[in-house]
Amino acid sequence: MKKNLVLLALLGGLASGCVTAYTTVKDEPRQTVQFASGLAAQTFYDAYIRDNYVCPDEDHANSWVGLDTVPPYQRRKIETDNVLFNRAIQRADTNHDGIISEAEAQGYAAQAAPKN
């Protein structure tokens, strides 16, 4: 009998749309960075944008049909653009001198290449 009541209460809660959602936003100050040349900057930023902001190619888009159910408790963690940028700078600046050389930018671009 208790199991039926618990199940009924759970289903009632789901059906009523009661959802507890917590969102955590991780932010930090953007790191300053220098580039050894204009080519190093262009290579880095092209790879950074491709890795973080370019939408998937429409030719390779997947279509699916499904039933979306919302759990009664949701927890999301969002990282701001500053966090993404700082992580990219740390990956690119392999010798940690605060200056991204052309070789470091090319190495980052090779790491950030799309995984097709």
C-alpha atoms as a PDB file:
ATOM      1  CA  MET A   1       0.000   0.000   0.000  1.00  0.00           C
ATOM      2  CA  LYS A   2       2.858   2.421   0.877  1.00  0.00           C
ATOM      3  CA  LYS A   3       4.547   1.699  -2.451  1.00  0.00           C
ATOM      4  CA  ASN A   4       1.364   2.624  -4.302  1.00  0.00           C
ATOM      5  CA  LEU A   5       1.090   5.902  -2.409  1.00  0.00           C
ATOM      6  CA  VAL A   6       4.714   6.787  -3.078  1.00  0.00           C
ATOM      7  CA  LEU A   7       4.306   5.922  -6.752  1.00  0.00           C
ATOM      8  CA  LEU A   8       1.083   7.924  -6.947  1.00  0.00           C
ATOM      9  CA  ALA A   9       2.737  10.927  -5.255  1.00  0.00           C
ATOM     10  CA  LEU A  10       5.734  10.735  -7.607  1.00  0.00           C
ATOM     11  CA  LEU A  11       3.542  10.522 -10.693  1.00  0.00           C
ATOM     12  CA  GLY A  12       1.383  13.361  -9.391  1.00  0.00           C
ATOM     13  CA  GLY A  13       4.434  15.523  -8.857  1.00  0.00           C
ATOM     14  CA  LEU A  14       5.710  14.785 -12.341  1.00  0.00           C
ATOM     15  CA  ALA A  15       2.320  15.439 -13.901  1.00  0.00           C
ATOM     16  CA  SER A  16       1.902  18.733 -12.049  1.00  0.00           C
ATOM     17  CA  GLY A  17       5.094  20.108 -13.559  1.00  0.00           C
ATOM     18  CA  CYS A  18       6.749  20.808 -10.225  1.00  0.00           C
ATOM     19  CA  VAL A  19      10.421  20.965 -11.025  1.00  0.00           C
ATOM     20  CA  THR A  20      13.190  22.154  -8.792  1.00  0.00           C
ATOM     21  CA  ALA A  21      15.970  23.579 -10.938  1.00  0.00           C
ATOM     22  CA  TYR A  22      19.332  24.832  -9.788  1.00  0.00           C
ATOM     23  CA  THR A  23      21.683  26.587 -12.154  1.00  0.00           C
ATOM     24  CA  THR A  24      25.267  27.294 -11.203  1.00  0.00           C
ATOM     25  CA  VAL A  25      27.146  29.854 -13.260  1.00  0.00           C
ATOM     26  CA  LYS A  26      30.919  29.656 -13.249  1.00  0.00           C
ATOM     27  CA  ASP A  27      32.586  32.934 -14.160  1.00  0.00           C
ATOM     28  CA  GLU A  28      36.045  34.391 -13.770  1.00  0.00           C
ATOM     29  CA  PRO A  29      37.939  37.421 -15.055  1.00  0.00           C
ATOM     30  CA  ARG A  30      39.235  37.059 -18.600  1.00  0.00           C
ATOM     31  CA  GLN A  31      42.987  36.513 -18.759  1.00  0.00           C
ATOM     32  CA  THR A  32      45.083  38.931 -20.732  1.00  0.00           C
ATOM     33  CA  VAL A  33      47.138  37.397 -23.474  1.00  0.00           C
ATOM     34  CA  GLN A  34      49.662  38.578 -26.028  1.00  0.00           C
ATOM     35  CA  PHE A  35      50.365  37.108 -29.415  1.00  0.00           C
ATOM     36  CA  ALA A  36      53.771  36.939 -31.042  1.00  0.00           C
ATOM     37  CA  SER A  37      52.281  38.015 -34.384  1.00  0.00           C
ATOM     38  CA  GLY A  38      49.069  38.775 -36.189  1.00  0.00           C
ATOM     39  CA  LEU A  39      49.165  35.317 -37.744  1.00  0.00           C
ATOM     40  CA  ALA A  40      49.361  33.717 -34.293  1.00  0.00           C
ATOM     41  CA  ALA A  41      46.329  35.730 -33.152  1.00  0.00           C
ATOM     42  CA  GLN A  42      44.334  34.879 -36.286  1.00  0.00           C
ATOM     43  CA  THR A  43      45.173  31.170 -36.019  1.00  0.00           C
ATOM     44  CA  PHE A  44      44.223  31.059 -32.332  1.00  0.00           C
ATOM     45  CA  TYR A  45      40.950  32.964 -32.683  1.00  0.00           C
ATOM     46  CA  ASP A  46      39.866  31.002 -35.776  1.00  0.00           C
ATOM     47  CA  ALA A  47      40.354  27.740 -33.876  1.00  0.00           C
ATOM     48  CA  TYR A  48      38.761  29.125 -30.692  1.00  0.00           C
ATOM     49  CA  ILE A  49      35.639  30.260 -32.516  1.00  0.00           C
ATOM     50  CA  ARG A  50      35.402  27.018 -34.489  1.00  0.00           C
ATOM     51  CA  ASP A  51      35.783  24.984 -31.294  1.00  0.00           C
ATOM     52  CA  ASN A  52      33.281  26.936 -29.189  1.00  0.00           C
ATOM     53  CA  TYR A  53      30.778  28.767 -31.374  1.00  0.00           C
ATOM     54  CA  VAL A  54      30.313  27.311 -34.859  1.00  0.00           C
ATOM     55  CA  CYS A  55      27.124  25.323 -35.359  1.00  0.00           C
ATOM     56  CA  PRO A  56      27.398  21.789 -36.737  1.00  0.00           C
ATOM     57  CA  ASP A  57      27.286  21.417 -40.493  1.00  0.00           C
ATOM     58  CA  GLU A  58      23.683  21.010 -41.652  1.00  0.00           C
ATOM     59  CA  ASP A  59      24.670  18.120 -43.936  1.00  0.00           C
ATOM     60  CA  HIS A  60      25.693  16.150 -40.865  1.00  0.00           C
ATOM     61  CA  ALA A  61      22.770  17.164 -38.664  1.00  0.00           C
ATOM     62  CA  ASN A  62      20.897  14.366 -36.945  1.00  0.00           C
ATOM     63  CA  SER A  63      17.134  14.197 -36.702  1.00  0.00           C
ATOM     64  CA  TRP A  64      15.403  12.303 -33.956  1.00  0.00           C
ATOM     65  CA  VAL A  65      11.995  11.892 -32.470  1.00  0.00           C
ATOM     66  CA  GLY A  66      11.467  11.143 -28.819  1.00  0.00           C
ATOM     67  CA  LEU A  67       9.461  11.802 -25.723  1.00  0.00           C
ATOM     68  CA  ASP A  68      11.127  14.355 -23.503  1.00  0.00           C
ATOM     69  CA  THR A  69      10.484  13.865 -19.801  1.00  0.00           C
ATOM     70  CA  VAL A  70      11.575  16.380 -17.215  1.00  0.00           C
ATOM     71  CA  PRO A  71      12.931  14.957 -13.980  1.00  0.00           C
ATOM     72  CA  PRO A  72      11.583  16.575 -10.796  1.00  0.00           C
ATOM     73  CA  TYR A  73      15.058  17.878  -9.954  1.00  0.00           C
ATOM     74  CA  GLN A  74      17.462  19.516 -12.390  1.00  0.00           C
ATOM     75  CA  ARG A  75      20.961  20.806 -11.814  1.00  0.00           C
ATOM     76  CA  ARG A  76      22.828  22.667 -14.556  1.00  0.00           C
ATOM     77  CA  LYS A  77      26.303  24.124 -14.621  1.00  0.00           C
ATOM     78  CA  ILE A  78      26.953  26.936 -17.069  1.00  0.00           C
ATOM     79  CA  GLU A  79      30.407  28.245 -17.880  1.00  0.00           C
ATOM     80  CA  THR A  80      30.705  31.788 -19.209  1.00  0.00           C
ATOM     81  CA  ASP A  81      32.671  32.861 -22.264  1.00  0.00           C
ATOM     82  CA  ASN A  82      35.485  34.015 -19.973  1.00  0.00           C
ATOM     83  CA  VAL A  83      35.905  30.505 -18.576  1.00  0.00           C
ATOM     84  CA  LEU A  84      35.993  29.000 -22.077  1.00  0.00           C
ATOM     85  CA  PHE A  85      38.486  31.625 -23.259  1.00  0.00           C
ATOM     86  CA  ASN A  86      40.781  31.178 -20.251  1.00  0.00           C
ATOM     87  CA  ARG A  87      40.767  27.413 -20.747  1.00  0.00           C
ATOM     88  CA  ALA A  88      41.685  27.876 -24.408  1.00  0.00           C
ATOM     89  CA  ILE A  89      44.522  30.261 -23.501  1.00  0.00           C
ATOM     90  CA  GLN A  90      45.900  27.747 -20.989  1.00  0.00           C
ATOM     91  CA  ARG A  91      45.779  24.990 -23.607  1.00  0.00           C
ATOM     92  CA  ALA A  92      47.454  27.173 -26.240  1.00  0.00           C
ATOM     93  CA  ASP A  93      50.195  28.766 -24.117  1.00  0.00           C
ATOM     94  CA  THR A  94      52.186  25.602 -23.569  1.00  0.00           C
ATOM     95  CA  ASN A  95      55.260  27.308 -22.088  1.00  0.00           C
ATOM     96  CA  HIS A  96      53.108  29.581 -19.831  1.00  0.00           C
ATOM     97  CA  ASP A  97      54.954  32.798 -20.692  1.00  0.00           C
ATOM     98  CA  GLY A  98      51.786  34.784 -21.475  1.00  0.00           C
ATOM     99  CA  ILE A  99      52.651  35.074 -25.173  1.00  0.00           C
ATOM    100  CA  ILE A 100      51.160  32.731 -27.743  1.00  0.00           C
ATOM    101  CA  SER A 101      53.602  32.072 -30.562  1.00  0.00           C
ATOM    102  CA  GLU A 102      52.656  30.951 -34.060  1.00  0.00           C
ATOM    103  CA  ALA A 103      53.737  27.395 -33.208  1.00  0.00           C
ATOM    104  CA  GLU A 104      51.601  27.379 -30.047  1.00  0.00           C
ATOM    105  CA  ALA A 105      48.613  28.773 -31.961  1.00  0.00           C
ATOM    106  CA  GLN A 106      49.006  26.107 -34.638  1.00  0.00           C
ATOM    107  CA  GLY A 107      49.258  23.428 -31.941  1.00  0.00           C
ATOM    108  CA  TYR A 108      46.063  24.710 -30.329  1.00  0.00           C
ATOM    109  CA  ALA A 109      44.335  24.797 -33.711  1.00  0.00           C
ATOM    110  CA  ALA A 110      45.306  21.167 -34.300  1.00  0.00           C
ATOM    111  CA  GLN A 111      43.879  20.176 -30.880  1.00  0.00           C
ATOM    112  CA  ALA A 112      40.693  22.188 -31.419  1.00  0.00           C
ATOM    113  CA  ALA A 113      40.042  20.695 -34.866  1.00  0.00           C
ATOM    114  CA  PRO A 114      36.519  19.314 -35.276  1.00  0.00           C
ATOM    115  CA  LYS A 115      36.210  15.627 -34.488  1.00  0.00           C
ATOM    116  CA  ASN A 116      34.379  14.299 -37.570  1.00  0.00           C
END
